[in-house]
Amino acid sequence: MSTHATETPLLDLVKEMTADSLAFTTLEARDVMLARIAALVAMDAPPASYLLNLGAASEIGMEAEEVRGILTAIAPIVGTPRVVEAAGNIVEALGIALELAEFEAELEA
């Protein structure tokens, strides 16, 4: 991992950790993201965690339908309340992403 200072050190660290885990696993990137999203649901992760991981999932070509499929597949294991909470956190994460995109567009204008 790099040791240079940036404006977003925590975000940079998480990105580097994600890249490192992808480099060391024997799983395909898509399978890693499937496992990560399922783990986020199981851990009752906050929206910010979904934001980071859904961004990475999108970068490798995962689509919303696959995320819905993950939620459906794990519902019998983690339970309906956990999946409903995850869905709400995902919606909140997408809202944050939209707000950030609008903010960035305003800065560029």
PDB file of N, CA and C in Angstrom:
ATOM      1  N   MET A   1       0.835  -1.182   0.000  1.00  0.00           N
ATOM      2  CA  MET A   1       0.000   0.000   0.000  1.00  0.00           C
ATOM      3  C   MET A   1       0.878   1.242   0.000  1.00  0.00           C
ATOM      4  N   SER A   2       0.369   2.280  -0.630  1.00  0.00           N
ATOM      5  CA  SER A   2       1.163   3.497  -0.697  1.00  0.00           C
ATOM      6  C   SER A   2       1.088   4.266   0.613  1.00  0.00           C
ATOM      7  N   THR A   3       2.077   5.126   0.823  1.00  0.00           N
ATOM      8  CA  THR A   3       2.132   5.875   2.072  1.00  0.00           C
ATOM      9  C   THR A   3       2.010   7.373   1.855  1.00  0.00           C
ATOM     10  N   HIS A   4       1.644   7.803   0.643  1.00  0.00           N
ATOM     11  CA  HIS A   4       1.532   9.232   0.380  1.00  0.00           C
ATOM     12  C   HIS A   4       0.219   9.794   0.921  1.00  0.00           C
ATOM     13  N   ALA A   5       0.254  11.092   1.294  1.00  0.00           N
ATOM     14  CA  ALA A   5      -0.929  11.753   1.840  1.00  0.00           C
ATOM     15  C   ALA A   5      -1.873  12.148   0.709  1.00  0.00           C
ATOM     16  N   THR A   6      -3.171  11.990   0.951  1.00  0.00           N
ATOM     17  CA  THR A   6      -4.183  12.383  -0.021  1.00  0.00           C
ATOM     18  C   THR A   6      -5.290  13.133   0.702  1.00  0.00           C
ATOM     19  N   GLU A   7      -6.257  13.622  -0.077  1.00  0.00           N
ATOM     20  CA  GLU A   7      -7.392  14.324   0.502  1.00  0.00           C
ATOM     21  C   GLU A   7      -8.440  13.351   1.036  1.00  0.00           C
ATOM     22  N   THR A   8      -8.370  12.101   0.630  1.00  0.00           N
ATOM     23  CA  THR A   8      -9.346  11.087   1.047  1.00  0.00           C
ATOM     24  C   THR A   8      -8.634   9.834   1.548  1.00  0.00           C
ATOM     25  N   PRO A   9      -7.905   9.942   2.656  1.00  0.00           N
ATOM     26  CA  PRO A   9      -7.091   8.801   3.093  1.00  0.00           C
ATOM     27  C   PRO A   9      -7.893   7.548   3.422  1.00  0.00           C
ATOM     28  N   LEU A  10      -9.035   7.683   4.056  1.00  0.00           N
ATOM     29  CA  LEU A  10      -9.823   6.498   4.410  1.00  0.00           C
ATOM     30  C   LEU A  10     -10.370   5.824   3.162  1.00  0.00           C
ATOM     31  N   LEU A  11     -10.922   6.609   2.270  1.00  0.00           N
ATOM     32  CA  LEU A  11     -11.443   6.060   1.023  1.00  0.00           C
ATOM     33  C   LEU A  11     -10.333   5.392   0.226  1.00  0.00           C
ATOM     34  N   ASP A  12      -9.185   6.040   0.171  1.00  0.00           N
ATOM     35  CA  ASP A  12      -8.048   5.465  -0.542  1.00  0.00           C
ATOM     36  C   ASP A  12      -7.608   4.142   0.086  1.00  0.00           C
ATOM     37  N   LEU A  13      -7.601   4.080   1.406  1.00  0.00           N
ATOM     38  CA  LEU A  13      -7.221   2.852   2.098  1.00  0.00           C
ATOM     39  C   LEU A  13      -8.182   1.721   1.764  1.00  0.00           C
ATOM     40  N   VAL A  14      -9.485   2.008   1.797  1.00  0.00           N
ATOM     41  CA  VAL A  14     -10.480   0.981   1.494  1.00  0.00           C
ATOM     42  C   VAL A  14     -10.328   0.504   0.050  1.00  0.00           C
ATOM     43  N   LYS A  15     -10.091   1.439  -0.869  1.00  0.00           N
ATOM     44  CA  LYS A  15      -9.886   1.055  -2.273  1.00  0.00           C
ATOM     45  C   LYS A  15      -8.656   0.166  -2.417  1.00  0.00           C
ATOM     46  N   GLU A  16      -7.579   0.520  -1.733  1.00  0.00           N
ATOM     47  CA  GLU A  16      -6.359  -0.287  -1.804  1.00  0.00           C
ATOM     48  C   GLU A  16      -6.574  -1.671  -1.191  1.00  0.00           C
ATOM     49  N   MET A  17      -7.298  -1.724  -0.067  1.00  0.00           N
ATOM     50  CA  MET A  17      -7.584  -3.018   0.557  1.00  0.00           C
ATOM     51  C   MET A  17      -8.414  -3.889  -0.384  1.00  0.00           C
ATOM     52  N   THR A  18      -9.375  -3.280  -1.060  1.00  0.00           N
ATOM     53  CA  THR A  18     -10.200  -4.024  -2.011  1.00  0.00           C
ATOM     54  C   THR A  18      -9.353  -4.540  -3.161  1.00  0.00           C
ATOM     55  N   ALA A  19      -8.519  -3.679  -3.707  1.00  0.00           N
ATOM     56  CA  ALA A  19      -7.640  -4.093  -4.807  1.00  0.00           C
ATOM     57  C   ALA A  19      -6.703  -5.208  -4.365  1.00  0.00           C
ATOM     58  N   ASP A  20      -6.143  -5.086  -3.159  1.00  0.00           N
ATOM     59  CA  ASP A  20      -5.246  -6.122  -2.643  1.00  0.00           C
ATOM     60  C   ASP A  20      -5.976  -7.449  -2.473  1.00  0.00           C
ATOM     61  N   SER A  21      -7.193  -7.406  -1.951  1.00  0.00           N
ATOM     62  CA  SER A  21      -7.924  -8.661  -1.748  1.00  0.00           C
ATOM     63  C   SER A  21      -8.243  -9.314  -3.085  1.00  0.00           C
ATOM     64  N   LEU A  22      -8.540  -8.510  -4.103  1.00  0.00           N
ATOM     65  CA  LEU A  22      -8.795  -9.069  -5.432  1.00  0.00           C
ATOM     66  C   LEU A  22      -7.529  -9.682  -6.023  1.00  0.00           C
ATOM     67  N   ALA A  23      -6.389  -9.071  -5.734  1.00  0.00           N
ATOM     68  CA  ALA A  23      -5.119  -9.575  -6.263  1.00  0.00           C
ATOM     69  C   ALA A  23      -4.722 -10.901  -5.620  1.00  0.00           C
ATOM     70  N   PHE A  24      -5.109 -11.118  -4.369  1.00  0.00           N
ATOM     71  CA  PHE A  24      -4.663 -12.315  -3.650  1.00  0.00           C
ATOM     72  C   PHE A  24      -5.665 -13.459  -3.637  1.00  0.00           C
ATOM     73  N   THR A  25      -6.890 -13.216  -4.034  1.00  0.00           N
ATOM     74  CA  THR A  25      -7.879 -14.284  -4.009  1.00  0.00           C
ATOM     75  C   THR A  25      -7.798 -15.137  -5.270  1.00  0.00           C
ATOM     76  N   THR A  26      -8.276 -16.344  -5.175  1.00  0.00           N
ATOM     77  CA  THR A  26      -8.351 -17.212  -6.345  1.00  0.00           C
ATOM     78  C   THR A  26      -9.716 -17.093  -7.025  1.00  0.00           C
ATOM     79  N   LEU A  27     -10.606 -16.309  -6.443  1.00  0.00           N
ATOM     80  CA  LEU A  27     -11.936 -16.117  -7.011  1.00  0.00           C
ATOM     81  C   LEU A  27     -11.909 -15.067  -8.115  1.00  0.00           C
ATOM     82  N   GLU A  28     -12.856 -15.177  -9.009  1.00  0.00           N
ATOM     83  CA  GLU A  28     -13.049 -14.142 -10.024  1.00  0.00           C
ATOM     84  C   GLU A  28     -13.598 -12.894  -9.333  1.00  0.00           C
ATOM     85  N   ALA A  29     -13.349 -11.725  -9.912  1.00  0.00           N
ATOM     86  CA  ALA A  29     -13.785 -10.461  -9.320  1.00  0.00           C
ATOM     87  C   ALA A  29     -15.292 -10.452  -9.065  1.00  0.00           C
ATOM     88  N   ARG A  30     -16.077 -10.983  -9.987  1.00  0.00           N
ATOM     89  CA  ARG A  30     -17.538 -11.023  -9.818  1.00  0.00           C
ATOM     90  C   ARG A  30     -17.917 -11.851  -8.588  1.00  0.00           C
ATOM     91  N   ASP A  31     -17.268 -12.991  -8.405  1.00  0.00           N
ATOM     92  CA  ASP A  31     -17.564 -13.846  -7.263  1.00  0.00           C
ATOM     93  C   ASP A  31     -17.172 -13.165  -5.945  1.00  0.00           C
ATOM     94  N   VAL A  32     -16.076 -12.428  -5.973  1.00  0.00           N
ATOM     95  CA  VAL A  32     -15.665 -11.678  -4.779  1.00  0.00           C
ATOM     96  C   VAL A  32     -16.738 -10.657  -4.419  1.00  0.00           C
ATOM     97  N   MET A  33     -17.248  -9.942  -5.413  1.00  0.00           N
ATOM     98  CA  MET A  33     -18.252  -8.924  -5.135  1.00  0.00           C
ATOM     99  C   MET A  33     -19.566  -9.555  -4.665  1.00  0.00           C
ATOM    100  N   LEU A  34     -19.915 -10.709  -5.212  1.00  0.00           N
ATOM    101  CA  LEU A  34     -21.105 -11.418  -4.728  1.00  0.00           C
ATOM    102  C   LEU A  34     -20.948 -11.742  -3.241  1.00  0.00           C
ATOM    103  N   ALA A  35     -19.778 -12.265  -2.884  1.00  0.00           N
ATOM    104  CA  ALA A  35     -19.519 -12.615  -1.489  1.00  0.00           C
ATOM    105  C   ALA A  35     -19.520 -11.375  -0.604  1.00  0.00           C
ATOM    106  N   ARG A  36     -18.926 -10.283  -1.080  1.00  0.00           N
ATOM    107  CA  ARG A  36     -18.865  -9.053  -0.284  1.00  0.00           C
ATOM    108  C   ARG A  36     -20.252  -8.479  -0.023  1.00  0.00           C
ATOM    109  N   ILE A  37     -21.073  -8.451  -1.052  1.00  0.00           N
ATOM    110  CA  ILE A  37     -22.419  -7.902  -0.869  1.00  0.00           C
ATOM    111  C   ILE A  37     -23.210  -8.773   0.098  1.00  0.00           C
ATOM    112  N   ALA A  38     -23.092 -10.084  -0.034  1.00  0.00           N
ATOM    113  CA  ALA A  38     -23.768 -10.983   0.910  1.00  0.00           C
ATOM    114  C   ALA A  38     -23.256 -10.757   2.325  1.00  0.00           C
ATOM    115  N   ALA A  39     -21.956 -10.558   2.475  1.00  0.00           N
ATOM    116  CA  ALA A  39     -21.381 -10.306   3.801  1.00  0.00           C
ATOM    117  C   ALA A  39     -21.856  -8.974   4.363  1.00  0.00           C
ATOM    118  N   LEU A  40     -21.997  -7.971   3.516  1.00  0.00           N
ATOM    119  CA  LEU A  40     -22.508  -6.677   3.991  1.00  0.00           C
ATOM    120  C   LEU A  40     -23.910  -6.828   4.567  1.00  0.00           C
ATOM    121  N   VAL A  41     -24.735  -7.609   3.885  1.00  0.00           N
ATOM    122  CA  VAL A  41     -26.091  -7.849   4.388  1.00  0.00           C
ATOM    123  C   VAL A  41     -26.025  -8.575   5.723  1.00  0.00           C
ATOM    124  N   ALA A  42     -25.225  -9.615   5.784  1.00  0.00           N
ATOM    125  CA  ALA A  42     -25.120 -10.408   7.012  1.00  0.00           C
ATOM    126  C   ALA A  42     -24.608  -9.584   8.188  1.00  0.00           C
ATOM    127  N   MET A  43     -23.745  -8.606   7.897  1.00  0.00           N
ATOM    128  CA  MET A  43     -23.158  -7.769   8.959  1.00  0.00           C
ATOM    129  C   MET A  43     -24.004  -6.535   9.273  1.00  0.00           C
ATOM    130  N   ASP A  44     -25.124  -6.349   8.565  1.00  0.00           N
ATOM    131  CA  ASP A  44     -25.973  -5.165   8.725  1.00  0.00           C
ATOM    132  C   ASP A  44     -25.149  -3.898   8.500  1.00  0.00           C
ATOM    133  N   ALA A  45     -24.456  -3.868   7.380  1.00  0.00           N
ATOM    134  CA  ALA A  45     -23.551  -2.772   7.042  1.00  0.00           C
ATOM    135  C   ALA A  45     -24.299  -1.466   6.795  1.00  0.00           C
ATOM    136  N   PRO A  46     -23.636  -0.348   7.053  1.00  0.00           N
ATOM    137  CA  PRO A  46     -24.238   0.962   6.812  1.00  0.00           C
ATOM    138  C   PRO A  46     -24.210   1.317   5.326  1.00  0.00           C
ATOM    139  N   PRO A  47     -24.980   2.323   4.923  1.00  0.00           N
ATOM    140  CA  PRO A  47     -25.017   2.727   3.514  1.00  0.00           C
ATOM    141  C   PRO A  47     -23.643   3.022   2.910  1.00  0.00           C
ATOM    142  N   ALA A  48     -22.747   3.629   3.666  1.00  0.00           N
ATOM    143  CA  ALA A  48     -21.427   3.964   3.123  1.00  0.00           C
ATOM    144  C   ALA A  48     -20.681   2.713   2.658  1.00  0.00           C
ATOM    145  N   SER A  49     -20.840   1.618   3.361  1.00  0.00           N
ATOM    146  CA  SER A  49     -20.184   0.367   2.948  1.00  0.00           C
ATOM    147  C   SER A  49     -20.765  -0.145   1.637  1.00  0.00           C
ATOM    148  N   TYR A  50     -22.078  -0.037   1.495  1.00  0.00           N
ATOM    149  CA  TYR A  50     -22.696  -0.428   0.234  1.00  0.00           C
ATOM    150  C   TYR A  50     -22.234   0.491  -0.890  1.00  0.00           C
ATOM    151  N   LEU A  51     -22.139   1.779  -0.597  1.00  0.00           N
ATOM    152  CA  LEU A  51     -21.701   2.739  -1.601  1.00  0.00           C
ATOM    153  C   LEU A  51     -20.345   2.337  -2.180  1.00  0.00           C
ATOM    154  N   LEU A  52     -19.407   2.039  -1.318  1.00  0.00           N
ATOM    155  CA  LEU A  52     -18.065   1.653  -1.770  1.00  0.00           C
ATOM    156  C   LEU A  52     -18.080   0.350  -2.561  1.00  0.00           C
ATOM    157  N   ASN A  53     -18.782  -0.634  -2.051  1.00  0.00           N
ATOM    158  CA  ASN A  53     -18.763  -1.948  -2.684  1.00  0.00           C
ATOM    159  C   ASN A  53     -19.629  -2.024  -3.931  1.00  0.00           C
ATOM    160  N   LEU A  54     -20.740  -1.300  -3.952  1.00  0.00           N
ATOM    161  CA  LEU A  54     -21.552  -1.286  -5.165  1.00  0.00           C
ATOM    162  C   LEU A  54     -20.829  -0.536  -6.283  1.00  0.00           C
ATOM    163  N   GLY A  55     -20.038   0.462  -5.905  1.00  0.00           N
ATOM    164  CA  GLY A  55     -19.220   1.152  -6.897  1.00  0.00           C
ATOM    165  C   GLY A  55     -18.215   0.197  -7.523  1.00  0.00           C
ATOM    166  N   ALA A  56     -17.563  -0.579  -6.682  1.00  0.00           N
ATOM    167  CA  ALA A  56     -16.600  -1.564  -7.186  1.00  0.00           C
ATOM    168  C   ALA A  56     -17.309  -2.624  -8.031  1.00  0.00           C
ATOM    169  N   ALA A  57     -18.491  -3.048  -7.589  1.00  0.00           N
ATOM    170  CA  ALA A  57     -19.253  -4.052  -8.344  1.00  0.00           C
ATOM    171  C   ALA A  57     -19.641  -3.506  -9.714  1.00  0.00           C
ATOM    172  N   SER A  58     -20.041  -2.253  -9.746  1.00  0.00           N
ATOM    173  CA  SER A  58     -20.408  -1.621 -11.009  1.00  0.00           C
ATOM    174  C   SER A  58     -19.216  -1.546 -11.956  1.00  0.00           C
ATOM    175  N   GLU A  59     -18.039  -1.275 -11.404  1.00  0.00           N
ATOM    176  CA  GLU A  59     -16.832  -1.180 -12.227  1.00  0.00           C
ATOM    177  C   GLU A  59     -16.483  -2.492 -12.921  1.00  0.00           C
ATOM    178  N   ILE A  60     -16.892  -3.604 -12.332  1.00  0.00           N
ATOM    179  CA  ILE A  60     -16.606  -4.899 -12.978  1.00  0.00           C
ATOM    180  C   ILE A  60     -17.800  -5.409 -13.789  1.00  0.00           C
ATOM    181  N   GLY A  61     -18.830  -4.566 -13.909  1.00  0.00           N
ATOM    182  CA  GLY A  61     -19.953  -4.905 -14.774  1.00  0.00           C
ATOM    183  C   GLY A  61     -21.155  -5.531 -14.101  1.00  0.00           C
ATOM    184  N   MET A  62     -21.172  -5.606 -12.773  1.00  0.00           N
ATOM    185  CA  MET A  62     -22.353  -6.144 -12.094  1.00  0.00           C
ATOM    186  C   MET A  62     -23.500  -5.153 -12.228  1.00  0.00           C
ATOM    187  N   GLU A  63     -24.690  -5.685 -12.368  1.00  0.00           N
ATOM    188  CA  GLU A  63     -25.870  -4.845 -12.542  1.00  0.00           C
ATOM    189  C   GLU A  63     -26.819  -5.013 -11.370  1.00  0.00           C
ATOM    190  N   ALA A  64     -27.789  -4.112 -11.297  1.00  0.00           N
ATOM    191  CA  ALA A  64     -28.752  -4.091 -10.199  1.00  0.00           C
ATOM    192  C   ALA A  64     -29.479  -5.429 -10.056  1.00  0.00           C
ATOM    193  N   GLU A  65     -29.779  -6.064 -11.170  1.00  0.00           N
ATOM    194  CA  GLU A  65     -30.492  -7.344 -11.123  1.00  0.00           C
ATOM    195  C   GLU A  65     -29.687  -8.399 -10.361  1.00  0.00           C
ATOM    196  N   GLU A  66     -28.377  -8.381 -10.509  1.00  0.00           N
ATOM    197  CA  GLU A  66     -27.537  -9.342  -9.782  1.00  0.00           C
ATOM    198  C   GLU A  66     -27.553  -9.064  -8.285  1.00  0.00           C
ATOM    199  N   VAL A  67     -27.571  -7.791  -7.917  1.00  0.00           N
ATOM    200  CA  VAL A  67     -27.643  -7.442  -6.493  1.00  0.00           C
ATOM    201  C   VAL A  67     -28.978  -7.899  -5.923  1.00  0.00           C
ATOM    202  N   ARG A  68     -30.060  -7.686  -6.665  1.00  0.00           N
ATOM    203  CA  ARG A  68     -31.368  -8.188  -6.214  1.00  0.00           C
ATOM    204  C   ARG A  68     -31.321  -9.707  -6.082  1.00  0.00           C
ATOM    205  N   GLY A  69     -30.642 -10.365  -7.006  1.00  0.00           N
ATOM    206  CA  GLY A  69     -30.513 -11.821  -6.934  1.00  0.00           C
ATOM    207  C   GLY A  69     -29.775 -12.272  -5.680  1.00  0.00           C
ATOM    208  N   ILE A  70     -28.745 -11.523  -5.295  1.00  0.00           N
ATOM    209  CA  ILE A  70     -28.009 -11.843  -4.065  1.00  0.00           C
ATOM    210  C   ILE A  70     -28.941 -11.741  -2.865  1.00  0.00           C
ATOM    211  N   LEU A  71     -29.698 -10.644  -2.796  1.00  0.00           N
ATOM    212  CA  LEU A  71     -30.617 -10.449  -1.669  1.00  0.00           C
ATOM    213  C   LEU A  71     -31.638 -11.574  -1.599  1.00  0.00           C
ATOM    214  N   THR A  72     -32.149 -11.976  -2.750  1.00  0.00           N
ATOM    215  CA  THR A  72     -33.117 -13.065  -2.805  1.00  0.00           C
ATOM    216  C   THR A  72     -32.498 -14.385  -2.365  1.00  0.00           C
ATOM    217  N   ALA A  73     -31.282 -14.634  -2.804  1.00  0.00           N
ATOM    218  CA  ALA A  73     -30.616 -15.901  -2.487  1.00  0.00           C
ATOM    219  C   ALA A  73     -30.294 -16.041  -1.007  1.00  0.00           C
ATOM    220  N   ILE A  74     -29.934 -14.944  -0.354  1.00  0.00           N
ATOM    221  CA  ILE A  74     -29.506 -15.057   1.046  1.00  0.00           C
ATOM    222  C   ILE A  74     -30.624 -14.802   2.049  1.00  0.00           C
ATOM    223  N   ALA A  75     -31.794 -14.365   1.577  1.00  0.00           N
ATOM    224  CA  ALA A  75     -32.904 -14.069   2.485  1.00  0.00           C
ATOM    225  C   ALA A  75     -33.255 -15.231   3.418  1.00  0.00           C
ATOM    226  N   PRO A  76     -33.299 -16.475   2.932  1.00  0.00           N
ATOM    227  CA  PRO A  76     -33.633 -17.567   3.852  1.00  0.00           C
ATOM    228  C   PRO A  76     -32.585 -17.783   4.946  1.00  0.00           C
ATOM    229  N   ILE A  77     -31.365 -17.357   4.701  1.00  0.00           N
ATOM    230  CA  ILE A  77     -30.287 -17.557   5.666  1.00  0.00           C
ATOM    231  C   ILE A  77     -30.218 -16.405   6.665  1.00  0.00           C
ATOM    232  N   VAL A  78     -30.208 -15.177   6.163  1.00  0.00           N
ATOM    233  CA  VAL A  78     -30.032 -14.016   7.046  1.00  0.00           C
ATOM    234  C   VAL A  78     -31.345 -13.482   7.589  1.00  0.00           C
ATOM    235  N   GLY A  79     -32.455 -13.784   6.923  1.00  0.00           N
ATOM    236  CA  GLY A  79     -33.761 -13.360   7.388  1.00  0.00           C
ATOM    237  C   GLY A  79     -34.296 -12.143   6.646  1.00  0.00           C
ATOM    238  N   THR A  80     -35.616 -12.083   6.598  1.00  0.00           N
ATOM    239  CA  THR A  80     -36.290 -11.000   5.893  1.00  0.00           C
ATOM    240  C   THR A  80     -35.956  -9.625   6.464  1.00  0.00           C
ATOM    241  N   PRO A  81     -35.974  -9.435   7.783  1.00  0.00           N
ATOM    242  CA  PRO A  81     -35.667  -8.097   8.303  1.00  0.00           C
ATOM    243  C   PRO A  81     -34.278  -7.595   7.878  1.00  0.00           C
ATOM    244  N   ARG A  82     -33.298  -8.473   7.870  1.00  0.00           N
ATOM    245  CA  ARG A  82     -31.945  -8.085   7.489  1.00  0.00           C
ATOM    246  C   ARG A  82     -31.895  -7.699   6.008  1.00  0.00           C
ATOM    247  N   VAL A  83     -32.614  -8.441   5.161  1.00  0.00           N
ATOM    248  CA  VAL A  83     -32.630  -8.141   3.731  1.00  0.00           C
ATOM    249  C   VAL A  83     -33.376  -6.834   3.462  1.00  0.00           C
ATOM    250  N   VAL A  84     -34.466  -6.605   4.166  1.00  0.00           N
ATOM    251  CA  VAL A  84     -35.211  -5.352   4.002  1.00  0.00           C
ATOM    252  C   VAL A  84     -34.345  -4.174   4.439  1.00  0.00           C
ATOM    253  N   GLU A  85     -33.639  -4.322   5.550  1.00  0.00           N
ATOM    254  CA  GLU A  85     -32.723  -3.274   6.022  1.00  0.00           C
ATOM    255  C   GLU A  85     -31.621  -3.027   4.988  1.00  0.00           C
ATOM    256  N   ALA A  86     -31.084  -4.086   4.424  1.00  0.00           N
ATOM    257  CA  ALA A  86     -30.043  -3.962   3.406  1.00  0.00           C
ATOM    258  C   ALA A  86     -30.577  -3.220   2.182  1.00  0.00           C
ATOM    259  N   ALA A  87     -31.769  -3.560   1.755  1.00  0.00           N
ATOM    260  CA  ALA A  87     -32.359  -2.884   0.598  1.00  0.00           C
ATOM    261  C   ALA A  87     -32.492  -1.387   0.859  1.00  0.00           C
ATOM    262  N   GLY A  88     -32.929  -1.030   2.060  1.00  0.00           N
ATOM    263  CA  GLY A  88     -33.017   0.384   2.422  1.00  0.00           C
ATOM    264  C   GLY A  88     -31.659   1.058   2.436  1.00  0.00           C
ATOM    265  N   ASN A  89     -30.650   0.362   2.948  1.00  0.00           N
ATOM    266  CA  ASN A  89     -29.295   0.917   2.977  1.00  0.00           C
ATOM    267  C   ASN A  89     -28.724   1.064   1.571  1.00  0.00           C
ATOM    268  N   ILE A  90     -29.066   0.149   0.694  1.00  0.00           N
ATOM    269  CA  ILE A  90     -28.623   0.242  -0.700  1.00  0.00           C
ATOM    270  C   ILE A  90     -29.273   1.457  -1.372  1.00  0.00           C
ATOM    271  N   VAL A  91     -30.566   1.647  -1.147  1.00  0.00           N
ATOM    272  CA  VAL A  91     -31.256   2.810  -1.711  1.00  0.00           C
ATOM    273  C   VAL A  91     -30.630   4.094  -1.184  1.00  0.00           C
ATOM    274  N   GLU A  92     -30.335   4.128   0.117  1.00  0.00           N
ATOM    275  CA  GLU A  92     -29.689   5.309   0.694  1.00  0.00           C
ATOM    276  C   GLU A  92     -28.303   5.532   0.083  1.00  0.00           C
ATOM    277  N   ALA A  93     -27.559   4.458  -0.128  1.00  0.00           N
ATOM    278  CA  ALA A  93     -26.231   4.569  -0.743  1.00  0.00           C
ATOM    279  C   ALA A  93     -26.331   5.133  -2.158  1.00  0.00           C
ATOM    280  N   LEU A  94     -27.330   4.685  -2.913  1.00  0.00           N
ATOM    281  CA  LEU A  94     -27.516   5.198  -4.268  1.00  0.00           C
ATOM    282  C   LEU A  94     -27.889   6.679  -4.234  1.00  0.00           C
ATOM    283  N   GLY A  95     -28.678   7.079  -3.247  1.00  0.00           N
ATOM    284  CA  GLY A  95     -29.016   8.493  -3.086  1.00  0.00           C
ATOM    285  C   GLY A  95     -27.782   9.326  -2.796  1.00  0.00           C
ATOM    286  N   ILE A  96     -26.911   8.802  -1.944  1.00  0.00           N
ATOM    287  CA  ILE A  96     -25.649   9.497  -1.636  1.00  0.00           C
ATOM    288  C   ILE A  96     -24.814   9.633  -2.905  1.00  0.00           C
ATOM    289  N   ALA A  97     -24.758   8.578  -3.697  1.00  0.00           N
ATOM    290  CA  ALA A  97     -23.976   8.613  -4.939  1.00  0.00           C
ATOM    291  C   ALA A  97     -24.518   9.677  -5.889  1.00  0.00           C
ATOM    292  N   LEU A  98     -25.838   9.771  -5.973  1.00  0.00           N
ATOM    293  CA  LEU A  98     -26.439  10.787  -6.845  1.00  0.00           C
ATOM    294  C   LEU A  98     -26.125  12.196  -6.347  1.00  0.00           C
ATOM    295  N   GLU A  99     -26.210  12.401  -5.039  1.00  0.00           N
ATOM    296  CA  GLU A  99     -25.891  13.707  -4.465  1.00  0.00           C
ATOM    297  C   GLU A  99     -24.433  14.074  -4.718  1.00  0.00           C
ATOM    298  N   LEU A 100     -23.548  13.120  -4.560  1.00  0.00           N
ATOM    299  CA  LEU A 100     -22.128  13.372  -4.820  1.00  0.00           C
ATOM    300  C   LEU A 100     -21.889  13.723  -6.285  1.00  0.00           C
ATOM    301  N   ALA A 101     -22.566  13.031  -7.183  1.00  0.00           N
ATOM    302  CA  ALA A 101     -22.413  13.305  -8.614  1.00  0.00           C
ATOM    303  C   ALA A 101     -22.916  14.709  -8.943  1.00  0.00           C
ATOM    304  N   GLU A 102     -24.042  15.094  -8.352  1.00  0.00           N
ATOM    305  CA  GLU A 102     -24.575  16.440  -8.579  1.00  0.00           C
ATOM    306  C   GLU A 102     -23.620  17.496  -8.031  1.00  0.00           C
ATOM    307  N   PHE A 103     -23.073  17.245  -6.855  1.00  0.00           N
ATOM    308  CA  PHE A 103     -22.125  18.178  -6.245  1.00  0.00           C
ATOM    309  C   PHE A 103     -20.888  18.344  -7.123  1.00  0.00           C
ATOM    310  N   GLU A 104     -20.363  17.238  -7.605  1.00  0.00           N
ATOM    311  CA  GLU A 104     -19.191  17.287  -8.480  1.00  0.00           C
ATOM    312  C   GLU A 104     -19.494  18.040  -9.768  1.00  0.00           C
ATOM    313  N   ALA A 105     -20.711  17.832 -10.312  1.00  0.00           N
ATOM    314  CA  ALA A 105     -21.097  18.532 -11.534  1.00  0.00           C
ATOM    315  C   ALA A 105     -21.179  20.043 -11.295  1.00  0.00           C
ATOM    316  N   GLU A 106     -21.693  20.424 -10.121  1.00  0.00           N
ATOM    317  CA  GLU A 106     -21.771  21.844  -9.776  1.00  0.00           C
ATOM    318  C   GLU A 106     -20.391  22.453  -9.637  1.00  0.00           C
ATOM    319  N   LEU A 107     -19.455  21.712  -9.070  1.00  0.00           N
ATOM    320  CA  LEU A 107     -18.094  22.211  -8.920  1.00  0.00           C
ATOM    321  C   LEU A 107     -17.422  22.413 -10.272  1.00  0.00           C
ATOM    322  N   GLU A 108     -17.723  21.517 -11.215  1.00  0.00           N
ATOM    323  CA  GLU A 108     -17.110  21.608 -12.532  1.00  0.00           C
ATOM    324  C   GLU A 108     -17.730  22.709 -13.381  1.00  0.00           C
ATOM    325  N   ALA A 109     -18.941  23.112 -13.056  1.00  0.00           N
ATOM    326  CA  ALA A 109     -19.652  24.142 -13.857  1.00  0.00           C
ATOM    327  C   ALA A 109     -19.128  25.530 -13.588  1.00  0.00           C
TER     328      ALA A 109
END
